Amino acid sequence: MAELTQSPKVTGKSVLDLLKTPWALIFLILVLVAVLDPGNWANVIAFAGKALAHTGQYILFAVLLLSYLKATGAETMVARAFEGRETRMILLAALFGGLAPFCSCEVIPFIAGLLALGAPLSAVMAFWLSSPLIDPPTLLITAGALGWPFAIGKAVAAVGLGLFGGFAVRFLLRRGAFAQPLRHYEPAGCCGCGSKKDDKPHWRFWQEPDRRARFGSEFVQNGLFLLKWLALAYVLEALLVSYVPADLIAGVVGGDGVVPIVIAAFVGMPAYLNSYVAPPLLAGLMEQGMSAGAAMSFMIAGAVSSIPAMAAVWSLVKPRVFATYLGLGISGAIAAGLLFQLM
């Protein structure tokens, strides 16, 4: 019989990994506030807790939806966007890019397989640009933090950026660019999750034990993932509102001109955390004077240039394609910010 009372061995690496988690950062922030500004500690806790409770309904629905899509294998439907005429492929790839529930490791072998099988780079670029910007959980969390008009605007911008990138690459391809875009790549097993590209979705997943188990595991993993990042986001937002002068933010990214939107796009590249942390932080920035157009530009540029998104592109394609990806993402973010500001 196994010894149930035996404690798991704690190593230096496991402790280091724990210290790198959002939970550790939240704890550290709250300890620092309690030590340096004890009078404001309760306000920070109350602000973050109230905001997290408000977003809780969106988190629950988003996790249920994502778990359902994963358990049914619905992500395989995205592959159908890369069949047929090139124009049709670009249109569908840009649209499905915002609906695909891929994790960051699944998208790499998916895209690699499409390019290796001869899918045009234009359609792949349309999918690649729109995919990091929006998905069902991100849409709901953005709506909870910034309102439905902003969330819908971001979804429209995601599809628009995909179309812009897809047709721009198509134009370049017809002039001889990107003859061999793909690096030598051999998929290394990904994360062990996901369905085969040629599988069919099983909408009544509860009839199969394996799919029921996957639904449960996805629900727990995604729920904890969203909870930890949103808790960190709201703690950071509370710090932002409490300690960063509104005049400072308004002076840099406030106003209705072009300059704040351009600045926000380039600031968003290195400063962006992920699509779950950004909406609450932007809500705080907008309360401090950040313009709506600058917020949209920051969010789109940051998502396109986030570390997982760039790592996926860099691992598969040659530097010229990578540079094109970043250029299209930044220019598209600025254009989206300007259009959203006008609207």
Foldseek 3Di string as FASTA:
>chain_A
DDDPPDDDDDDPVNVVVVCPFLVVVLVVLLVCCCVVPVVCSVVLVVQLVVLCVLLVVLLLVLLLVLLLCQLQQVLLVLVVLQDDDLLSSLLSLLLCLQARSDDLQVVQVVLLVCVVVPRDPLSSLLSLLLNLQHYSSLLSLLCSQPNNVLSVLSNVLSSVLSNVSSVVVVVVVVVPPCPPWWDDDDRDCGPVGGDDSPDDGDNPSVVDPVSVVSSVVSSVVSSVVLSSLSSSLSSVLSCCLPPPALVVLCVQQADLDLRSLLVLLVVLQVPPDGSSNLSNNVSSSVVSGHASLNSQLSSQSNSCNPPSSLVSSPNTTDPVVSVSSNVSSNVSSSVSSNVVSVD
